[in-house]
Protein backbone atom coordinates (compact mmCIF):
# COMPACT_ATOMS: atom_id res chain seq x y z
CA MET A 1 108.01 -69.08 206.05
CA THR A 2 105.29 -70.92 207.92
CA LYS A 3 102.00 -72.63 207.20
CA GLU A 4 99.06 -72.64 209.58
CA PRO A 5 96.41 -75.38 209.78
CA PHE A 6 93.08 -74.22 208.42
CA LYS A 7 89.54 -75.51 208.82
CA VAL A 8 86.60 -74.54 206.65
CA ALA A 9 83.85 -73.23 208.93
CA ILE A 10 81.27 -70.98 207.26
CA PRO A 11 79.10 -69.00 209.72
CA ASP A 12 75.42 -69.92 209.95
CA SER A 13 74.55 -66.31 209.14
CA VAL A 14 76.06 -66.70 205.65
CA LEU A 15 73.94 -69.77 204.95
CA THR A 16 70.78 -68.12 206.28
CA ASP A 17 71.36 -65.06 204.10
CA LEU A 18 71.91 -67.32 201.08
CA LYS A 19 68.54 -69.04 201.53
CA GLU A 20 66.79 -65.71 201.87
CA ARG A 21 68.31 -64.53 198.60
CA LEU A 22 67.36 -67.75 196.82
CA ARG A 23 63.75 -67.38 197.95
CA ARG A 24 63.59 -63.82 196.59
CA VAL A 25 64.87 -64.60 193.10
CA ARG A 26 63.24 -62.77 190.19
CA TYR A 27 63.65 -64.74 186.94
CA PRO A 28 63.69 -63.12 183.50
CA ILE A 29 61.48 -64.41 180.70
CA ASP A 30 63.06 -67.26 178.74
CA PHE A 31 61.65 -68.63 175.47
CA ALA A 32 62.87 -70.67 172.50
CA ASN A 33 65.86 -71.65 174.62
CA GLU A 34 65.38 -75.36 175.19
CA ASN A 35 68.84 -76.09 173.74
CA TRP A 36 70.56 -73.31 175.74
CA ALA A 37 71.27 -71.37 172.53
CA TYR A 38 70.68 -68.05 174.32
CA GLY A 39 72.48 -69.09 177.49
CA THR A 40 71.41 -70.88 180.65
CA ASN A 41 67.96 -72.44 180.34
CA ARG A 42 65.52 -71.05 182.91
CA ALA A 43 63.65 -74.31 183.55
CA TYR A 44 66.83 -76.14 184.49
CA LEU A 45 68.04 -73.18 186.52
CA GLU A 46 64.79 -73.17 188.50
CA GLU A 47 65.21 -76.90 189.11
CA MET A 48 68.70 -76.30 190.45
CA VAL A 49 67.58 -73.44 192.70
CA ALA A 50 64.74 -75.54 194.11
CA TYR A 51 67.21 -78.31 194.90
CA TRP A 52 69.61 -75.80 196.45
CA LEU A 53 66.88 -74.57 198.76
CA SER A 54 65.31 -77.88 199.73
CA HIS A 55 67.92 -80.64 199.47
CA TYR A 56 71.47 -79.32 199.32
CA ASP A 57 73.36 -79.63 202.62
CA TRP A 58 76.46 -77.43 202.79
CA ARG A 59 77.51 -78.78 206.18
CA LYS A 60 77.74 -82.29 204.74
CA HIS A 61 80.09 -81.10 201.99
CA GLU A 62 82.00 -78.82 204.34
CA ALA A 63 82.76 -81.88 206.48
CA GLU A 64 83.96 -83.77 203.40
CA ILE A 65 86.23 -80.86 202.44
CA ASN A 66 87.65 -80.82 205.96
CA ARG A 67 88.70 -84.47 205.71
CA PHE A 68 91.73 -83.20 203.82
CA ALA A 69 94.67 -81.41 205.46
CA HIS A 70 94.20 -77.68 204.78
CA TYR A 71 96.68 -74.89 205.45
CA ARG A 72 97.10 -71.20 204.85
CA THR A 73 100.19 -69.08 204.45
CA ASN A 74 101.02 -65.55 203.35
CA ILE A 75 103.54 -64.87 200.60
CA GLY A 76 104.45 -61.24 200.11
CA GLY A 77 101.11 -60.05 201.47
CA ILE A 78 99.11 -62.51 199.35
CA PRO A 79 97.06 -65.09 201.29
CA ILE A 80 97.37 -68.63 199.95
CA HIS A 81 95.23 -71.60 200.94
CA PHE A 82 96.31 -75.13 200.06
CA ILE A 83 95.73 -78.80 200.75
CA HIS A 84 98.86 -80.79 201.57
CA GLU A 85 98.59 -84.58 201.71
CA GLY A 86 101.80 -86.52 202.32
CA GLY A 87 102.54 -89.50 200.10
CA LYS A 88 102.49 -93.07 201.41
CA GLY A 89 105.27 -94.83 199.59
CA PRO A 90 109.05 -95.29 199.57
CA LYS A 91 109.91 -92.12 197.65
CA PRO A 92 106.99 -89.75 197.05
CA ILE A 93 107.44 -87.04 194.42
CA PRO A 94 106.24 -83.58 195.52
CA LEU A 95 103.50 -82.57 193.08
CA ILE A 96 101.58 -79.29 192.95
CA LEU A 97 98.21 -79.41 191.14
CA SER A 98 96.73 -76.12 189.89
CA HIS A 99 93.09 -75.42 189.00
CA GLY A 100 91.46 -72.83 186.78
CA TRP A 101 88.22 -70.84 186.39
CA PRO A 102 85.36 -71.57 187.04
CA TRP A 103 87.09 -74.39 188.83
CA THR A 104 87.95 -74.53 192.49
CA PHE A 105 90.59 -76.49 194.37
CA TRP A 106 87.76 -79.00 194.97
CA ASP A 107 87.86 -80.01 191.29
CA LEU A 108 91.03 -81.89 192.22
CA HIS A 109 89.80 -83.71 195.31
CA LYS A 110 89.08 -86.97 193.44
CA VAL A 111 92.74 -87.36 192.47
CA ILE A 112 94.44 -86.31 195.72
CA ARG A 113 94.20 -89.54 197.70
CA PRO A 114 94.82 -91.91 194.74
CA LEU A 115 98.00 -89.95 193.99
CA ALA A 116 99.13 -89.70 197.62
CA ASP A 117 98.26 -93.25 198.64
CA PRO A 118 98.13 -95.42 195.50
CA ALA A 119 98.13 -98.71 197.43
CA ALA A 120 94.80 -97.80 199.04
CA PHE A 121 93.32 -97.56 195.53
CA GLY A 122 94.80 -100.73 194.05
CA GLY A 123 98.04 -99.14 192.87
CA ASP A 124 101.75 -99.47 193.56
CA PRO A 125 103.04 -97.51 196.61
CA ALA A 126 106.15 -96.73 194.55
CA ASP A 127 103.94 -94.32 192.55
CA ALA A 128 103.14 -92.12 195.57
CA PHE A 129 103.20 -88.30 195.50
CA ASP A 130 103.28 -85.63 198.17
CA VAL A 131 100.24 -83.76 196.87
CA VAL A 132 99.80 -79.98 197.14
CA VAL A 133 96.59 -78.38 195.87
CA PRO A 134 96.47 -74.59 196.32
CA SER A 135 93.66 -72.19 195.58
CA LEU A 136 94.79 -69.63 193.02
CA PRO A 137 95.30 -66.13 194.45
CA GLY A 138 91.89 -64.48 194.82
CA PHE A 139 90.02 -67.80 194.58
CA CYS A 140 88.09 -69.43 197.43
CA PHE A 141 90.13 -69.37 200.61
CA SER A 142 93.15 -67.61 199.04
CA THR A 143 91.33 -64.42 199.95
CA PRO A 144 90.94 -61.57 200.53
CA LEU A 145 93.20 -60.54 197.68
CA THR A 146 93.75 -56.77 197.64
CA THR A 147 97.00 -56.69 195.65
CA PRO A 148 96.51 -55.70 192.00
CA GLY A 149 98.45 -57.25 189.17
CA VAL A 150 98.42 -60.85 190.38
CA ASN A 151 98.11 -63.01 187.28
CA TRP A 152 99.12 -66.50 186.23
CA TRP A 153 102.80 -65.84 185.63
CA ARG A 154 103.12 -64.11 189.00
CA THR A 155 101.31 -67.09 190.50
CA ALA A 156 104.09 -69.34 189.23
CA ASP A 157 106.52 -67.28 191.32
CA LEU A 158 104.24 -67.73 194.34
CA TRP A 159 104.09 -71.49 193.76
CA LEU A 160 107.89 -71.68 193.67
CA THR A 161 108.01 -69.93 197.04
CA LEU A 162 105.25 -72.14 198.41
CA MET A 163 106.95 -75.36 197.38
CA ARG A 164 110.55 -74.40 198.21
CA GLU A 165 110.36 -71.97 201.14
CA VAL A 166 107.09 -72.91 202.84
CA LEU A 167 107.11 -76.68 202.26
CA GLY A 168 110.84 -77.27 201.82
CA TYR A 169 110.96 -79.10 198.47
CA SER A 170 114.08 -78.25 196.48
CA ARG A 171 112.64 -79.77 193.29
CA PHE A 172 109.08 -80.72 192.51
CA ALA A 173 106.58 -81.70 189.82
CA ALA A 174 103.56 -79.75 188.63
CA GLU A 175 100.25 -80.40 186.88
CA GLY A 176 97.55 -78.02 185.70
CA GLY A 177 94.52 -77.29 183.57
CA ASP A 178 92.92 -74.01 182.47
CA TRP A 179 94.71 -71.20 184.39
CA GLY A 180 96.61 -73.93 186.18
CA ALA A 181 98.06 -75.00 182.84
CA PHE A 182 99.42 -71.50 182.25
CA VAL A 183 100.92 -71.48 185.76
CA THR A 184 102.44 -74.91 185.24
CA GLN A 185 103.87 -74.00 181.82
CA GLN A 186 105.47 -70.91 183.35
CA LEU A 187 107.09 -73.04 186.04
CA GLY A 188 108.52 -75.24 183.29
CA HIS A 189 109.63 -72.19 181.30
CA LYS A 190 111.09 -69.95 184.00
CA TYR A 191 112.22 -72.51 186.58
CA PRO A 192 113.17 -75.73 184.78
CA GLN A 193 116.08 -76.25 187.16
CA HIS A 194 113.60 -76.64 190.03
CA MET A 195 111.13 -78.84 188.17
CA ILE A 196 111.21 -82.63 188.01
CA ALA A 197 108.73 -82.51 185.12
CA ILE A 198 105.36 -80.93 184.33
CA TYR A 199 102.06 -82.35 183.10
CA LEU A 200 99.26 -80.48 181.33
CA THR A 201 95.64 -81.17 180.48
CA LEU A 202 95.45 -77.92 178.48
CA SER A 203 98.38 -76.73 176.40
CA ILE A 204 98.28 -73.42 174.55
CA PRO A 205 100.85 -70.70 173.87
CA MET A 206 101.67 -68.56 176.89
CA ASN A 207 101.24 -65.40 174.79
CA PHE A 208 97.60 -66.38 174.16
CA PHE A 209 96.23 -63.18 175.74
CA SER A 210 98.38 -61.04 173.50
CA GLY A 211 97.47 -62.79 170.27
CA GLY A 212 99.25 -66.14 170.35
CA GLY A 213 97.52 -69.21 168.95
CA PHE A 214 97.78 -72.22 166.67
CA LYS A 215 97.97 -72.31 162.91
CA GLU A 216 95.29 -74.54 161.45
CA SER A 217 97.85 -75.68 158.90
CA ASP A 218 99.81 -77.27 161.76
CA TYR A 219 97.10 -79.88 162.26
CA GLY A 220 97.90 -83.14 160.51
CA ALA A 221 95.50 -85.26 158.47
CA ASP A 222 94.92 -87.47 161.52
CA GLU A 223 94.22 -84.44 163.76
CA GLN A 224 91.13 -83.09 162.03
CA ALA A 225 88.87 -84.11 164.92
CA ALA A 226 91.03 -82.02 167.27
CA LEU A 227 90.86 -79.07 164.88
CA ALA A 228 87.09 -79.44 164.56
CA ARG A 229 86.68 -79.48 168.36
CA THR A 230 88.84 -76.38 168.71
CA ARG A 231 86.70 -74.57 166.12
CA GLU A 232 83.49 -75.78 167.76
CA ALA A 233 84.50 -74.64 171.25
CA ARG A 234 85.67 -71.16 170.23
CA PRO A 235 82.25 -69.41 170.53
CA SER A 236 81.74 -70.78 174.06
CA ILE A 237 84.98 -69.16 175.18
CA ILE A 238 84.41 -65.69 173.74
CA SER A 239 81.66 -64.34 176.01
CA HIS A 240 83.32 -64.78 179.38
CA VAL A 241 86.79 -63.88 178.11
CA ALA A 242 85.47 -60.63 176.62
CA VAL A 243 83.79 -59.35 179.77
CA GLN A 244 86.18 -60.78 182.35
CA THR A 245 89.27 -59.36 180.68
CA ARG A 246 87.72 -55.91 180.33
CA ASP A 247 84.95 -55.30 182.88
CA PRO A 248 85.36 -57.81 185.71
CA GLN A 249 84.28 -55.41 188.43
CA THR A 250 81.06 -54.48 186.63
CA LEU A 251 80.13 -58.13 186.21
CA ALA A 252 80.99 -58.90 189.83
CA TYR A 253 78.28 -56.67 191.34
CA GLY A 254 75.54 -58.93 190.03
CA MET A 255 77.37 -62.16 190.87
CA HIS A 256 78.25 -60.98 194.35
CA ASP A 257 74.66 -59.99 195.12
CA SER A 258 72.72 -62.82 193.48
CA PRO A 259 73.52 -66.49 194.03
CA VAL A 260 71.20 -67.34 191.14
CA ALA A 261 73.18 -65.11 188.77
CA LEU A 262 76.38 -66.76 189.96
CA LEU A 263 74.88 -70.20 189.40
CA ALA A 264 73.62 -69.33 185.92
CA TRP A 265 76.96 -67.87 184.81
CA MET A 266 79.04 -70.80 185.99
CA LEU A 267 76.55 -73.57 185.27
CA GLU A 268 76.50 -72.69 181.57
CA ARG A 269 80.25 -73.15 181.41
CA ARG A 270 80.20 -76.47 183.23
CA ARG A 271 77.66 -77.70 180.69
CA ALA A 272 79.40 -76.26 177.62
CA TRP A 273 82.94 -77.22 178.56
CA SER A 274 82.56 -80.71 180.02
CA ASP A 275 82.18 -83.91 178.04
CA CYS A 276 78.49 -84.21 178.92
CA GLY A 277 76.69 -84.16 175.57
CA GLY A 278 74.49 -81.27 176.68
CA ASN A 279 73.39 -82.95 179.93
CA VAL A 280 75.63 -81.58 182.66
CA GLU A 281 74.41 -84.16 185.17
CA ARG A 282 76.05 -86.89 183.11
CA ARG A 283 79.27 -85.53 184.59
CA TYR A 284 78.25 -83.78 187.79
CA SER A 285 75.53 -84.34 190.33
CA LYS A 286 73.57 -81.35 191.54
CA ASP A 287 75.50 -81.56 194.80
CA GLU A 288 78.83 -81.41 193.01
CA LEU A 289 77.78 -78.43 190.92
CA LEU A 290 76.42 -76.54 193.89
CA THR A 291 79.46 -77.21 196.06
CA HIS A 292 81.64 -75.41 193.52
CA ILE A 293 79.16 -72.52 193.41
CA MET A 294 79.08 -72.43 197.20
CA LEU A 295 82.86 -72.16 197.39
CA TYR A 296 82.68 -69.00 195.31
CA TRP A 297 79.67 -67.66 197.23
CA VAL A 298 80.76 -68.21 200.82
CA THR A 299 84.26 -66.83 200.20
CA GLU A 300 82.97 -63.82 198.20
CA CYS A 301 85.74 -64.46 195.71
CA PHE A 302 84.01 -64.07 192.35
CA VAL A 303 85.29 -60.52 191.96
CA THR A 304 88.95 -61.42 192.39
CA SER A 305 88.64 -64.68 190.48
CA VAL A 306 87.51 -62.82 187.36
CA ARG A 307 90.07 -60.06 187.83
CA TYR A 308 92.59 -62.83 187.10
CA TYR A 309 91.50 -62.43 183.45
CA TYR A 310 91.98 -58.66 183.51
CA GLU A 311 95.43 -59.04 184.99
CA ALA A 312 96.39 -61.59 182.34
CA ARG A 313 95.32 -59.28 179.53
CA ASN A 314 96.82 -56.10 180.98
CA HIS A 315 100.09 -57.60 182.23
CA PRO A 316 101.13 -59.63 179.19
CA TRP A 317 103.47 -62.56 179.54
CA LYS A 318 107.06 -62.01 178.50
CA PRO A 319 109.48 -64.91 178.02
CA VAL A 320 112.58 -65.08 180.18
CA HIS A 321 114.57 -66.66 177.33
CA ASP A 322 114.26 -67.02 173.56
CA ARG A 323 115.40 -70.63 173.32
CA MET A 324 113.42 -73.52 171.93
CA PRO A 325 111.64 -75.31 173.34
CA VAL A 326 109.92 -72.50 175.18
CA VAL A 327 109.13 -74.86 178.06
CA GLU A 328 112.34 -76.70 178.85
CA ALA A 329 111.13 -78.88 181.73
CA PRO A 330 110.20 -82.41 180.63
CA THR A 331 106.52 -82.28 179.71
CA GLY A 332 103.64 -84.72 179.53
CA ILE A 333 100.31 -83.81 177.96
CA GLY A 334 96.98 -85.55 178.44
CA VAL A 335 94.80 -84.90 175.37
CA PHE A 336 91.13 -85.00 176.36
CA PRO A 337 88.86 -85.14 173.29
CA ARG A 338 86.35 -82.49 174.48
CA GLU A 339 88.92 -80.00 175.77
CA LEU A 340 88.35 -76.45 174.54
CA LEU A 341 91.64 -76.04 172.71
CA ILE A 342 93.51 -79.10 171.49
CA PRO A 343 96.96 -78.32 170.14
CA PRO A 344 98.51 -79.86 167.04
CA ARG A 345 101.18 -82.30 168.11
CA GLN A 346 103.65 -80.75 165.69
CA TRP A 347 103.36 -77.46 167.59
CA ALA A 348 103.60 -79.15 171.00
CA GLU A 349 106.78 -80.98 170.02
CA LYS A 350 108.44 -77.64 169.23
CA TYR A 351 107.04 -75.61 172.14
CA PHE A 352 107.67 -78.15 174.93
CA ASN A 353 110.34 -80.63 175.90
CA LEU A 354 107.64 -83.16 175.12
CA GLN A 355 108.16 -86.59 176.67
CA ARG A 356 104.63 -87.98 176.77
CA TRP A 357 101.48 -87.39 174.70
CA THR A 358 98.44 -89.38 175.77
CA PRO A 359 95.16 -89.28 173.82
CA MET A 360 92.38 -89.93 176.33
CA ALA A 361 89.21 -91.92 175.68
CA SER A 362 86.83 -89.25 176.98
CA GLY A 363 86.74 -86.06 179.00
CA GLY A 364 86.49 -82.33 178.56
CA HIS A 365 87.86 -79.17 180.12
CA PHE A 366 87.60 -80.26 183.77
CA ALA A 367 89.80 -83.34 183.52
CA PRO A 368 90.51 -84.00 187.24
CA SER A 369 86.82 -83.99 188.17
CA GLU A 370 85.49 -85.51 184.93
CA GLU A 371 88.06 -88.26 184.39
CA PRO A 372 90.05 -88.66 187.60
CA ASP A 373 90.98 -92.29 186.95
CA GLN A 374 92.41 -91.59 183.50
CA LEU A 375 94.37 -88.63 184.83
CA VAL A 376 95.74 -90.51 187.85
CA GLN A 377 96.88 -93.45 185.73
CA ASP A 378 98.69 -91.22 183.26
CA LEU A 379 100.35 -89.11 185.95
CA ARG A 380 101.64 -92.27 187.63
CA ALA A 381 102.95 -93.63 184.33
CA PHE A 382 104.58 -90.36 183.27
CA TYR A 383 106.46 -89.74 186.49
CA ARG A 384 107.80 -93.28 186.96
CA SER A 385 110.88 -92.48 184.91
CA TYR A 386 111.62 -89.42 187.08
CA ARG A 387 111.77 -91.20 190.44
């Protein structure tokens, strides 16, 4: 199987159409919503749209994206886009990093070069990785996706083909958050013989979409903060999971037609799920936020990105073995204090072949873009014993 070099080059006509749509926005009334209790605050949304129109420069960010080595391939009729940056060190470990929703592959760009070329960032070249960052099927440039039934556990099969047959790695490492955590766990569950080790920034049962979860009684006396955060975050998860698992196509008509609707839907989640204390720009500049929105807009991928939820719910995960631990590949977990679901360690020690558990000082759901330095340092430390 082959890979073809790929360059991001969005037509001017797409950018012109976007500005026309932004200028024609019709805002709904918004009142008593200063704290975002009802959803995205209109005043801040208007501020973002004004910046988008007057100051945001897609071509600048497109050029930055193109500074990485991009490729595309096709696996069983499914288009896959990925970044592939070779490691600069004596024995790089091949490492595939998987994103989630409403993430993009660009959420991982801050960690790619430090992992691939540690010496250039003050590290030891012996810690180098060959870094692979794909877009999930139906996300961004892994489009158009017209094959139904592609979910996270099928994505793990695609990643195995990508790493072994397209890129030629017999064994490799994997890291993931959000959907990428599910994909990575499945690699460690189904294909432990091909995995060096896996690392997670989110760790929850793989039968989550068919009723799996944690018992609150599993949380120890010293884990009450983690339990409290998991309880606190639950309401912010419900709304998008409910609609995207059941009516993704209906939702997509509005998001596909209105960039402001797309911004409002995704902006609220960036604010609620990051470790920002209610001020999303503590974590992300306006340019960073809008670049992620642009990647959904210019690739017209919102519809297939949210179908990923439908496919997860309607094609439930089934284990390939009934042994314990469920995930047999050696596993490291980075525990970020503002993650949406923080597992009890007692559960994690049973579910995974747990080799490393690192409580982080700060960070939320988007670990690679919120806390890239913490993540890079822990990935380097974890994988040293597997070189």
